Amino acid sequence: MQQEFDILIIGSGAAGLSLALRLADSAKIAVLSKGSLTSGSTWLAQGGIAAVLDESDLIQDHVSDTLTAGAHLSHNDAVEFTVKNGRQSIEWLIEQGVPFSRDGKRYHLTQEGGHSHRRIIHAADATGRAVQETLISRAKEHDSIHLFEHCTAVDLITRRKLKRANNRCLGAYVLDSSTGHVNALKAKFVVLATGGASKAYLYTSNSDGASGDGIAMAWRSGCRVANMEFNQFHPTCLYHPQAKSFLITEAVRGEGGKLLLPDGTRFMDKFDKRGELAPRDVVARAIDHEMKRLGSDCLYLDISHKPKSFILEHFPTIYERCSKLGIDISKDPIPVVPAAHYTCGGVMTDQQGHSDLNGLYAIGETSFTGLHGANRLASNSLLECLVFAESAANDIRSRLDESLDMAYIPDWDESQVTDSDEDVIISHNWDELRRFMWDYVGIVRTNKRLRRAKHRVDLLQQEITEYYSNYKISKDLLELRNLALVSDLIIRSAALRKESRGLHYTLDYPDQGPEPRDTILTPINYEWP
């Protein structure tokens, strides 16, 4: 079955839905979600959105904080563009009806690590959920926006793959999990908004769908990627056997939370004069160092010195979740460990979201805009989603009247494959991949560890390619295929960086190099301009 749209948006988080809403009056739009509309990373985001909203704050201060956190690898033009457009993006969300927390008549702003001012606007400690619920509600009001749940993109369709001249993106093949069939969705423009790839790691704060799909599909279609070695590990993920991927927001530290060793002593001041408010890479490495030094399974984050009323007002979600696990955060410290949290690299784009492939855009965590550099500043992620969704929407709107030869797209052919009776291979390879990525390509790296990881990922990709070629596809297989490819890109990028900078720390090159440079990988099917 084939369907045709003006715009196909792969991903239904803040980036994808805000772009769809900005184009709803101009185009017929399809939005794909691998699971339910509430299953992505946006829904899980707790802390908030960074923007200059207070008269005591300055655009240049937010720019400076971002450049400092990014270990001076961020691109100045991208940082300034994002920060300068921050306020209007927040105002747009408010117009959509997002219920941000107030402090009297003003919106409450909190402070997080790496920020020199209170500039994080939030909805208690469930900002992502408030944003996502609002955007879903608004999207359902538009007949021009077609929401497809439980649909996984298999691969992009391009004129080159159809052996046609004048290469461009024409749509995507999509697996409908409810039927098991693959459909072709044609579109004038395709937008990748699939999030990051933190599920490549054993411990992560991300949703199960963070498997790097957009990055992998873009790479296979000839697009360059950049800075894939910079994987942000959030310092404080709740440590409990029943607490799958539950994040303890950085705002807890912003509001005075203290990191403690098992004996109750503080330690962050030994690593950074900013203490608990140091950037995430510094805090994550400090926790990792102390855990390894002590042989401890976790460390602790304590906010119990604050009044219970304050905790219930600012952190109701965390209080409730911890209470269900027998932890009263108004009395006891919270057990925490670092966890893979954010992919700072991605598909190379410009300020309008253009990728290297005509007709293909990438926005949000899938993209590499130059904003985050070697380490993302807290709460700049949702800001990036909103700002670049708007700029991409404006660019697409200006191109909707272009006359395009869309070409004939053949139906998906599965006549040569069979049903697999060995799905255990998928789960086994998934587990192996995430474990060696955690052990060898984690918070602290070495050349030897990276070589071991490269050897294993090469073998895994061979097995996965053989499996993919002979058996009917499934969502699990597609995610494993994409994760293995993106893991390979991470390993290759890490091996090329002969320094320690930001989130990439290697014992073989512990010092920062003299010149900040991006790591750019180019696929063999890239078309040089």
Protein backbone atom coordinates (compact mmCIF):
# COMPACT_ATOMS: atom_id res chain seq x y z
CA MET A 1 0.00 0.00 0.00
CA GLN A 2 1.25 3.48 -0.86
CA GLN A 3 0.18 6.84 0.54
CA GLU A 4 1.35 10.29 -0.50
CA PHE A 5 1.90 13.38 1.64
CA ASP A 6 3.50 16.77 1.27
CA ILE A 7 5.64 16.17 4.35
CA LEU A 8 6.61 12.97 6.13
CA ILE A 9 7.90 13.53 9.68
CA ILE A 10 9.61 10.49 11.20
CA GLY A 11 9.39 11.01 14.95
CA SER A 12 6.64 12.39 17.17
CA GLY A 13 8.47 14.25 19.95
CA ALA A 14 8.85 17.98 20.51
CA ALA A 15 10.78 18.51 17.27
CA GLY A 16 8.45 16.52 15.01
CA LEU A 17 5.14 17.70 16.43
CA SER A 18 6.10 21.37 16.68
CA LEU A 19 7.22 21.31 13.04
CA ALA A 20 3.95 19.63 12.02
CA LEU A 21 1.91 22.24 13.86
CA ARG A 22 3.78 25.11 12.23
CA LEU A 23 2.98 23.65 8.78
CA ALA A 24 -0.53 22.37 9.49
CA ASP A 25 -2.22 25.18 7.57
CA SER A 26 0.00 24.72 4.51
CA ALA A 27 0.42 21.01 3.84
CA LYS A 28 -0.76 17.42 4.19
CA ILE A 29 1.48 15.92 6.86
CA ALA A 30 2.22 12.41 8.15
CA VAL A 31 3.83 12.00 11.59
CA LEU A 32 5.22 8.57 12.48
CA SER A 33 5.64 7.26 16.02
CA LYS A 34 7.37 3.92 16.64
CA GLY A 35 5.22 3.33 19.69
CA SER A 36 2.44 5.41 21.18
CA LEU A 37 2.64 9.18 20.84
CA THR A 38 3.78 9.38 24.47
CA SER A 39 6.58 6.81 24.25
CA GLY A 40 9.51 8.99 23.21
CA SER A 41 12.22 10.94 25.00
CA THR A 42 10.31 14.23 25.09
CA TRP A 43 7.71 12.66 27.40
CA LEU A 44 10.49 11.72 29.86
CA ALA A 45 12.20 15.13 29.94
CA GLN A 46 11.98 16.54 33.46
CA GLY A 47 14.06 19.68 33.95
CA GLY A 48 12.84 22.25 31.45
CA ILE A 49 13.83 24.51 28.57
CA ALA A 50 16.66 27.03 28.69
CA ALA A 51 15.94 30.53 27.37
CA VAL A 52 16.72 34.13 28.26
CA LEU A 53 13.42 35.19 29.85
CA ASP A 54 14.47 37.33 32.82
CA GLU A 55 15.51 40.99 32.63
CA SER A 56 18.65 40.25 34.67
CA ASP A 57 19.79 37.64 32.13
CA LEU A 58 21.51 38.36 28.82
CA ILE A 59 21.63 36.62 25.44
CA GLN A 60 25.42 36.77 25.54
CA ASP A 61 25.48 35.07 28.95
CA HIS A 62 23.48 32.11 27.62
CA VAL A 63 25.74 32.01 24.55
CA SER A 64 28.85 32.08 26.76
CA ASP A 65 27.51 29.34 29.06
CA THR A 66 26.76 27.14 26.04
CA LEU A 67 30.21 27.64 24.53
CA THR A 68 31.90 26.91 27.86
CA ALA A 69 29.89 23.73 28.48
CA GLY A 70 30.60 22.61 24.91
CA ALA A 71 34.37 22.79 25.55
CA HIS A 72 34.55 25.49 22.86
CA LEU A 73 33.65 23.05 20.11
CA SER A 74 30.19 24.56 19.64
CA HIS A 75 29.71 26.67 16.53
CA ASN A 76 29.22 30.32 17.45
CA ASP A 77 26.69 30.95 14.69
CA ALA A 78 24.55 27.97 15.72
CA VAL A 79 24.68 28.94 19.39
CA GLU A 80 23.73 32.56 18.74
CA PHE A 81 20.94 31.56 16.35
CA THR A 82 19.45 29.16 18.89
CA VAL A 83 19.71 31.44 21.90
CA LYS A 84 18.38 34.51 20.08
CA ASN A 85 15.30 32.55 18.98
CA GLY A 86 14.72 31.04 22.42
CA ARG A 87 12.20 33.51 23.79
CA GLN A 88 9.89 33.36 20.77
CA SER A 89 9.94 29.55 20.89
CA ILE A 90 8.85 29.63 24.53
CA GLU A 91 6.17 32.19 23.72
CA TRP A 92 4.90 29.88 20.97
CA LEU A 93 4.65 26.99 23.46
CA ILE A 94 2.75 29.21 25.86
CA GLU A 95 0.37 30.11 23.02
CA GLN A 96 -0.17 26.37 22.43
CA GLY A 97 -1.19 26.06 26.08
CA VAL A 98 1.82 24.48 27.83
CA PRO A 99 1.20 24.93 31.60
CA PHE A 100 4.59 26.16 32.78
CA SER A 101 5.06 26.59 36.54
CA ARG A 102 4.49 30.04 37.99
CA ASP A 103 5.90 31.92 40.94
CA GLY A 104 3.07 34.32 41.59
CA LYS A 105 2.36 36.24 38.38
CA ARG A 106 5.74 35.33 36.84
CA TYR A 107 6.90 32.06 35.39
CA HIS A 108 9.25 30.22 37.76
CA LEU A 109 12.77 29.88 36.43
CA THR A 110 15.24 27.40 37.88
CA GLN A 111 19.00 27.01 37.44
CA GLU A 112 20.93 23.96 36.30
CA GLY A 113 24.57 22.95 35.98
CA GLY A 114 26.65 25.15 33.68
CA HIS A 115 24.16 28.06 33.68
CA SER A 116 25.14 31.41 35.18
CA HIS A 117 21.51 32.51 35.64
CA ARG A 118 18.10 31.13 36.45
CA ARG A 119 16.75 30.64 32.94
CA ILE A 120 15.11 27.20 32.91
CA ILE A 121 11.35 27.49 32.38
CA HIS A 122 9.60 24.31 33.44
CA ALA A 123 6.37 22.57 34.35
CA ALA A 124 7.25 21.28 37.83
CA ASP A 125 9.54 18.28 37.18
CA ALA A 126 7.60 16.91 34.21
CA THR A 127 8.22 19.54 31.54
CA GLY A 128 8.51 17.09 28.66
CA ARG A 129 5.20 15.49 29.54
CA ALA A 130 3.46 18.88 29.69
CA VAL A 131 4.94 19.89 26.32
CA GLN A 132 4.14 16.55 24.69
CA GLU A 133 0.55 16.40 25.96
CA THR A 134 -0.09 19.92 24.70
CA LEU A 135 1.44 19.32 21.26
CA ILE A 136 -0.44 16.03 20.80
CA SER A 137 -3.69 17.73 21.73
CA ARG A 138 -3.06 20.57 19.26
CA ALA A 139 -2.02 18.14 16.49
CA LYS A 140 -5.23 16.14 16.84
CA GLU A 141 -7.20 19.33 16.15
CA HIS A 142 -5.81 19.54 12.59
CA ASP A 143 -7.28 17.38 9.83
CA SER A 144 -4.13 17.98 7.80
CA ILE A 145 -1.93 16.18 10.36
CA HIS A 146 -2.14 12.39 10.15
CA LEU A 147 -0.69 10.64 13.21
CA PHE A 148 0.56 7.07 12.72
CA GLU A 149 1.37 5.15 15.90
CA HIS A 150 3.34 1.87 16.11
CA CYS A 151 4.96 2.50 12.73
CA THR A 152 8.72 2.10 12.28
CA ALA A 153 10.62 3.55 9.34
CA VAL A 154 12.67 0.86 7.61
CA ASP A 155 14.69 3.01 5.24
CA LEU A 156 14.51 6.17 3.19
CA ILE A 157 13.49 5.98 -0.46
CA THR A 158 15.74 7.98 -2.79
CA ARG A 159 15.97 8.45 -6.54
CA ARG A 160 19.46 6.95 -6.44
CA LYS A 161 18.17 3.74 -4.84
CA LEU A 162 15.60 3.57 -7.66
CA LYS A 163 18.46 4.03 -10.15
CA ARG A 164 17.21 7.47 -11.19
CA ALA A 165 19.19 10.64 -11.87
CA ASN A 166 18.97 13.85 -9.81
CA ASN A 167 19.06 12.21 -6.42
CA ARG A 168 16.63 13.35 -3.71
CA CYS A 169 14.55 11.83 -0.93
CA LEU A 170 11.13 10.58 -2.02
CA GLY A 171 9.73 9.10 1.20
CA ALA A 172 10.27 6.01 3.30
CA TYR A 173 9.31 2.38 3.65
CA VAL A 174 7.45 1.95 6.93
CA LEU A 175 6.69 -1.16 8.98
CA ASP A 176 3.18 -1.16 10.47
CA SER A 177 3.53 -3.21 13.64
CA SER A 178 -0.21 -3.81 13.84
CA THR A 179 -0.26 -5.66 10.51
CA GLY A 180 3.35 -6.72 10.04
CA HIS A 181 3.33 -5.22 6.55
CA VAL A 182 5.69 -2.65 5.06
CA ASN A 183 4.10 0.31 3.27
CA ALA A 184 5.63 3.00 1.08
CA LEU A 185 4.94 6.57 2.16
CA LYS A 186 5.75 9.13 -0.53
CA ALA A 187 6.46 12.75 0.36
CA LYS A 188 7.91 15.88 -1.19
CA PHE A 189 9.89 16.44 1.98
CA VAL A 190 11.00 14.05 4.70
CA VAL A 191 12.03 15.20 8.18
CA LEU A 192 14.04 13.02 10.54
CA ALA A 193 13.09 13.79 14.15
CA THR A 194 13.79 10.37 15.65
CA GLY A 195 15.86 11.44 18.66
CA GLY A 196 19.22 10.04 19.70
CA ALA A 197 20.94 6.69 20.17
CA SER A 198 21.47 6.27 23.92
CA LYS A 199 20.01 2.77 23.82
CA ALA A 200 23.40 1.76 22.47
CA TYR A 201 24.43 1.71 26.14
CA LEU A 202 23.50 -0.72 28.89
CA TYR A 203 22.37 2.00 31.30
CA THR A 204 20.36 4.88 29.89
CA SER A 205 17.76 7.41 30.92
CA ASN A 206 16.14 7.22 27.48
CA SER A 207 13.03 5.52 26.23
CA ASP A 208 13.32 2.14 24.50
CA GLY A 209 12.97 3.80 21.09
CA ALA A 210 16.24 5.80 21.29
CA SER A 211 17.98 3.54 18.79
CA GLY A 212 19.50 6.08 16.40
CA ASP A 213 17.11 5.28 13.56
CA GLY A 214 17.29 8.66 11.83
CA ILE A 215 21.08 8.83 12.00
CA ALA A 216 21.39 5.30 10.59
CA MET A 217 18.89 5.88 7.77
CA ALA A 218 20.54 9.16 6.78
CA TRP A 219 24.01 7.54 6.75
CA ARG A 220 22.78 4.68 4.57
CA SER A 221 21.33 7.29 2.19
CA GLY A 222 24.62 9.13 1.80
CA CYS A 223 24.52 11.82 4.50
CA ARG A 224 27.52 12.80 6.58
CA VAL A 225 27.47 12.64 10.39
CA ALA A 226 29.56 14.59 12.88
CA ASN A 227 30.82 14.35 16.48
CA MET A 228 29.26 10.98 17.22
CA GLU A 229 31.87 10.38 19.95
CA PHE A 230 30.18 12.86 22.26
CA ASN A 231 27.64 10.85 24.23
CA GLN A 232 26.35 12.67 27.26
CA PHE A 233 25.96 10.61 30.40
CA HIS A 234 23.49 12.13 32.81
CA PRO A 235 25.10 12.04 36.25
CA THR A 236 21.99 11.06 38.20
CA CYS A 237 19.76 8.22 37.09
CA LEU A 238 17.82 6.52 39.90
CA TYR A 239 19.59 3.35 41.02
CA HIS A 240 17.00 0.72 41.84
CA PRO A 241 16.25 -2.69 40.25
CA GLN A 242 12.65 -1.63 39.55
CA ALA A 243 13.45 1.90 38.38
CA LYS A 244 13.94 1.36 34.66
CA SER A 245 15.43 4.49 33.00
CA PHE A 246 14.14 6.92 35.62
CA LEU A 247 16.02 10.20 35.60
CA ILE A 248 16.62 12.46 38.60
CA THR A 249 16.50 15.89 36.99
CA GLU A 250 19.48 18.22 37.18
CA ALA A 251 17.12 20.78 38.71
CA VAL A 252 17.44 18.87 42.01
CA ARG A 253 21.07 20.00 42.12
CA GLY A 254 20.05 23.41 40.83
CA GLU A 255 17.78 23.78 43.85
CA GLY A 256 20.48 22.81 46.34
CA GLY A 257 20.75 19.02 46.12
CA LYS A 258 24.13 17.66 47.28
CA LEU A 259 26.00 14.66 45.90
CA LEU A 260 27.25 12.34 48.65
CA LEU A 261 29.51 9.34 49.04
CA PRO A 262 28.04 6.27 50.80
CA ASP A 263 29.41 7.62 54.13
CA GLY A 264 27.49 10.88 53.64
CA THR A 265 30.40 13.18 52.74
CA ARG A 266 30.34 15.57 49.79
CA PHE A 267 32.97 15.17 47.07
CA MET A 268 32.20 17.41 44.07
CA ASP A 269 34.26 20.34 45.36
CA LYS A 270 37.37 18.18 44.90
CA PHE A 271 36.68 17.99 41.16
CA ASP A 272 35.31 21.43 40.27
CA LYS A 273 34.90 24.75 42.07
CA ARG A 274 31.28 24.85 40.84
CA GLY A 275 30.57 21.72 42.86
CA GLU A 276 27.21 20.13 42.08
CA LEU A 277 26.53 22.82 39.46
CA ALA A 278 29.47 21.86 37.27
CA PRO A 279 28.58 20.74 33.71
CA ARG A 280 27.31 17.21 33.27
CA ASP A 281 30.50 15.73 31.83
CA VAL A 282 32.46 16.85 34.89
CA VAL A 283 29.85 15.56 37.35
CA ALA A 284 29.40 12.22 35.54
CA ARG A 285 33.17 11.57 35.48
CA ALA A 286 33.45 12.51 39.15
CA ILE A 287 30.70 10.06 40.13
CA ASP A 288 32.21 7.36 37.90
CA HIS A 289 35.63 7.95 39.48
CA GLU A 290 34.33 7.74 43.05
CA MET A 291 32.22 4.63 42.33
CA LYS A 292 35.24 2.83 40.84
CA ARG A 293 37.56 4.03 43.62
CA LEU A 294 35.19 2.79 46.32
CA GLY A 295 33.83 -0.23 44.47
CA SER A 296 30.38 1.20 45.10
CA ASP A 297 27.28 0.33 43.07
CA CYS A 298 25.91 3.88 43.40
CA LEU A 299 26.33 7.25 45.08
CA TYR A 300 23.65 9.54 46.54
CA LEU A 301 21.87 12.81 45.83
CA ASP A 302 20.37 14.53 48.88
CA ILE A 303 17.64 17.20 48.81
CA SER A 304 16.21 16.25 52.22
CA HIS A 305 17.45 19.47 53.86
CA LYS A 306 14.74 21.34 51.93
CA PRO A 307 11.22 21.60 53.41
CA LYS A 308 8.91 18.80 52.34
CA SER A 309 6.47 21.38 50.95
CA PHE A 310 9.23 22.71 48.67
CA ILE A 311 10.05 19.19 47.44
CA LEU A 312 6.41 18.36 46.74
CA GLU A 313 5.95 21.62 44.82
CA HIS A 314 9.08 21.38 42.69
CA PHE A 315 9.65 17.63 42.35
CA PRO A 316 6.28 15.86 42.66
CA THR A 317 7.08 13.26 39.97
CA ILE A 318 10.38 12.27 41.56
CA TYR A 319 8.85 12.21 45.04
CA GLU A 320 6.03 9.94 43.89
CA ARG A 321 8.27 7.58 41.92
CA CYS A 322 10.78 7.23 44.73
CA SER A 323 8.02 6.78 47.32
CA LYS A 324 6.68 3.80 45.39
CA LEU A 325 10.13 2.25 45.69
CA GLY A 326 10.34 2.91 49.43
CA ILE A 327 12.53 6.03 49.25
CA ASP A 328 11.27 9.15 51.02
CA ILE A 329 13.36 11.91 49.41
CA SER A 330 12.22 14.42 52.04
CA LYS A 331 14.12 12.32 54.61
CA ASP A 332 16.62 10.16 52.75
CA PRO A 333 19.20 10.65 49.96
CA ILE A 334 18.44 9.24 46.51
CA PRO A 335 20.69 6.43 45.18
CA VAL A 336 22.02 7.46 41.74
CA VAL A 337 24.31 6.29 38.93
CA PRO A 338 25.35 7.91 35.63
CA ALA A 339 23.44 6.77 32.52
CA ALA A 340 23.67 7.44 28.80
CA HIS A 341 21.40 10.40 28.19
CA TYR A 342 21.98 12.42 25.04
CA THR A 343 23.62 12.10 21.61
CA CYS A 344 25.45 15.37 20.91
CA GLY A 345 26.45 14.41 17.36
CA GLY A 346 24.21 13.42 14.49
CA VAL A 347 23.23 14.12 10.89
CA MET A 348 24.99 17.23 9.62
CA THR A 349 22.58 20.07 8.91
CA ASP A 350 22.48 23.82 8.39
CA GLN A 351 20.28 26.32 10.24
CA GLN A 352 17.27 25.34 8.14
CA GLY A 353 17.68 21.64 8.92
CA HIS A 354 18.89 20.66 5.44
CA SER A 355 20.88 17.43 5.31
CA ASP A 356 23.24 16.43 2.48
CA LEU A 357 20.31 14.76 0.66
CA ASN A 358 17.92 17.04 -1.20
CA GLY A 359 14.43 16.88 0.29
CA LEU A 360 15.66 15.41 3.58
CA TYR A 361 15.75 17.44 6.80
CA ALA A 362 16.93 16.49 10.28
CA ILE A 363 15.98 18.31 13.50
CA GLY A 364 16.29 17.75 17.23
CA GLU A 365 18.64 15.19 18.74
CA THR A 366 18.96 13.39 15.39
CA SER A 367 20.79 16.36 13.93
CA PHE A 368 24.20 17.92 14.29
CA THR A 369 23.66 21.68 14.19
CA GLY A 370 26.86 22.71 15.94
CA LEU A 371 24.97 23.88 19.04
CA HIS A 372 26.15 21.35 21.63
CA GLY A 373 29.84 20.99 20.82
CA ALA A 374 31.59 18.47 23.05
CA ASN A 375 28.94 18.59 25.78
CA ARG A 376 25.30 19.71 25.79
CA LEU A 377 24.43 22.45 28.26
CA ALA A 378 21.49 21.40 30.43
CA SER A 379 18.02 22.11 29.00
CA ASN A 380 19.33 23.29 25.62
CA SER A 381 17.94 20.15 23.97
CA LEU A 382 14.23 20.98 23.89
CA LEU A 383 15.23 24.53 22.94
CA GLU A 384 17.09 23.18 19.90
CA CYS A 385 14.05 21.08 18.94
CA LEU A 386 11.78 24.11 18.95
CA VAL A 387 14.09 26.62 17.29
CA PHE A 388 15.15 24.37 14.42
CA ALA A 389 11.64 23.00 13.93
CA GLU A 390 10.54 26.56 13.25
CA SER A 391 13.41 27.33 10.87
CA ALA A 392 12.90 24.05 9.00
CA ALA A 393 9.16 24.68 8.79
CA ASN A 394 9.75 28.13 7.29
CA ASP A 395 12.12 26.66 4.71
CA ILE A 396 9.78 23.81 3.77
CA ARG A 397 6.84 26.22 3.46
CA SER A 398 8.81 28.27 0.95
CA ARG A 399 9.43 25.13 -1.16
CA LEU A 400 5.99 23.51 -1.13
CA ASP A 401 5.13 24.84 -4.59
CA GLU A 402 8.24 23.36 -6.19
CA SER A 403 7.48 21.09 -9.15
CA LEU A 404 9.00 17.68 -8.42
CA ASP A 405 9.30 14.48 -10.41
CA MET A 406 8.50 12.04 -7.59
CA ALA A 407 9.07 8.90 -9.69
CA TYR A 408 7.40 5.52 -9.34
CA ILE A 409 8.11 3.75 -6.05
CA PRO A 410 7.89 -0.05 -6.07
CA ASP A 411 6.13 -1.88 -3.25
CA TRP A 412 8.26 -3.49 -0.55
CA ASP A 413 9.35 -6.96 -1.69
CA GLU A 414 9.46 -9.66 0.96
CA SER A 415 8.96 -12.60 -1.38
CA GLN A 416 12.52 -13.82 -0.86
CA VAL A 417 12.47 -13.90 2.96
CA THR A 418 10.95 -16.25 5.52
CA ASP A 419 9.69 -16.04 9.10
CA SER A 420 12.47 -16.51 11.60
CA ASP A 421 12.37 -19.16 14.31
CA GLU A 422 15.53 -17.75 15.94
CA ASP A 423 14.47 -14.39 17.38
CA VAL A 424 16.72 -15.14 20.36
CA ILE A 425 19.59 -13.99 18.12
CA ILE A 426 18.15 -10.46 18.15
CA SER A 427 17.89 -10.26 21.93
CA HIS A 428 21.33 -11.83 22.40
CA ASN A 429 23.03 -9.44 19.97
CA TRP A 430 21.19 -6.46 21.47
CA ASP A 431 22.47 -7.37 24.94
CA GLU A 432 26.03 -7.98 23.72
CA LEU A 433 26.12 -4.66 21.85
CA ARG A 434 24.93 -2.58 24.79
CA ARG A 435 27.31 -4.27 27.23
CA PHE A 436 30.49 -3.79 25.22
CA MET A 437 29.51 -0.22 24.38
CA TRP A 438 29.10 0.46 28.12
CA ASP A 439 32.38 -1.27 29.03
CA TYR A 440 34.59 -0.04 26.17
CA VAL A 441 33.03 3.18 24.81
CA GLY A 442 31.60 4.65 28.00
CA ILE A 443 32.50 7.57 30.27
CA VAL A 444 36.25 6.76 30.21
CA ARG A 445 37.88 5.29 27.08
CA THR A 446 41.23 3.95 25.87
CA ASN A 447 42.59 3.00 22.45
CA LYS A 448 42.61 -0.64 23.47
CA ARG A 449 38.98 -0.57 24.58
CA LEU A 450 37.96 1.11 21.32
CA ARG A 451 39.77 -1.53 19.25
CA ARG A 452 37.97 -4.28 21.14
CA ALA A 453 34.65 -2.55 20.58
CA LYS A 454 35.35 -2.10 16.84
CA HIS A 455 36.17 -5.78 16.44
CA ARG A 456 32.94 -6.84 18.13
CA VAL A 457 30.70 -4.37 16.32
CA ASP A 458 32.10 -5.52 12.96
CA LEU A 459 31.19 -9.12 13.74
CA LEU A 460 27.74 -8.09 14.96
CA GLN A 461 27.01 -6.10 11.83
CA GLN A 462 27.91 -9.08 9.67
CA GLU A 463 25.48 -11.29 11.60
CA ILE A 464 22.75 -8.65 11.51
CA THR A 465 23.14 -8.07 7.76
CA GLU A 466 22.80 -11.79 7.09
CA TYR A 467 19.75 -12.01 9.34
CA TYR A 468 18.16 -8.92 7.77
CA SER A 469 18.66 -10.32 4.27
CA ASN A 470 16.99 -13.67 4.96
CA TYR A 471 14.13 -13.10 7.40
CA LYS A 472 11.06 -10.92 7.65
CA ILE A 473 11.78 -7.71 9.44
CA SER A 474 10.47 -6.71 12.84
CA LYS A 475 10.69 -3.56 14.93
CA ASP A 476 13.31 -5.22 17.18
CA LEU A 477 15.44 -6.21 14.19
CA LEU A 478 15.25 -2.73 12.67
CA GLU A 479 16.31 -1.12 15.95
CA LEU A 480 19.18 -3.58 16.40
CA ARG A 481 20.37 -2.95 12.85
CA ASN A 482 20.32 0.81 13.39
CA LEU A 483 21.95 0.64 16.83
CA ALA A 484 24.80 -1.51 15.54
CA LEU A 485 25.46 0.95 12.71
CA VAL A 486 25.33 4.00 14.98
CA SER A 487 27.55 2.25 17.53
CA ASP A 488 30.09 1.70 14.77
CA LEU A 489 29.93 5.43 13.94
CA ILE A 490 30.45 6.27 17.64
CA ILE A 491 33.47 3.96 17.90
CA ARG A 492 35.04 5.25 14.67
CA SER A 493 34.55 8.86 15.74
CA ALA A 494 36.01 8.21 19.20
CA ALA A 495 39.07 6.54 17.68
CA LEU A 496 39.73 9.58 15.49
CA ARG A 497 39.76 12.09 18.38
CA LYS A 498 43.28 12.15 19.78
CA GLU A 499 42.47 14.33 22.80
CA SER A 500 40.11 14.53 25.76
CA ARG A 501 37.44 17.16 25.29
CA GLY A 502 34.05 17.48 26.92
CA LEU A 503 32.23 14.16 26.95
CA HIS A 504 35.04 12.28 25.22
CA TYR A 505 37.62 11.34 27.85
CA THR A 506 40.43 8.95 27.00
CA LEU A 507 43.26 7.83 29.26
CA ASP A 508 45.61 7.68 26.25
CA TYR A 509 45.12 11.40 25.46
CA PRO A 510 44.10 12.97 28.79
CA ASP A 511 44.75 16.57 27.71
CA GLN A 512 42.67 18.81 25.52
CA GLY A 513 44.17 19.54 22.11
CA PRO A 514 45.13 23.07 21.02
CA GLU A 515 42.53 23.38 18.29
CA PRO A 516 38.83 22.47 18.50
CA ARG A 517 37.81 20.42 15.46
CA ASP A 518 34.68 18.47 14.58
CA THR A 519 34.90 14.78 13.76
CA ILE A 520 33.15 14.33 10.42
CA LEU A 521 32.48 10.90 8.92
CA THR A 522 31.61 10.61 5.23
CA PRO A 523 29.78 7.55 3.81
CA ILE A 524 31.07 5.94 0.63
CA ASN A 525 27.85 6.89 -1.20
CA TYR A 526 28.13 10.58 -0.32
CA GLU A 527 27.76 12.85 -3.36
CA TRP A 528 30.42 15.55 -3.30
CA PRO A 529 29.05 18.96 -4.31
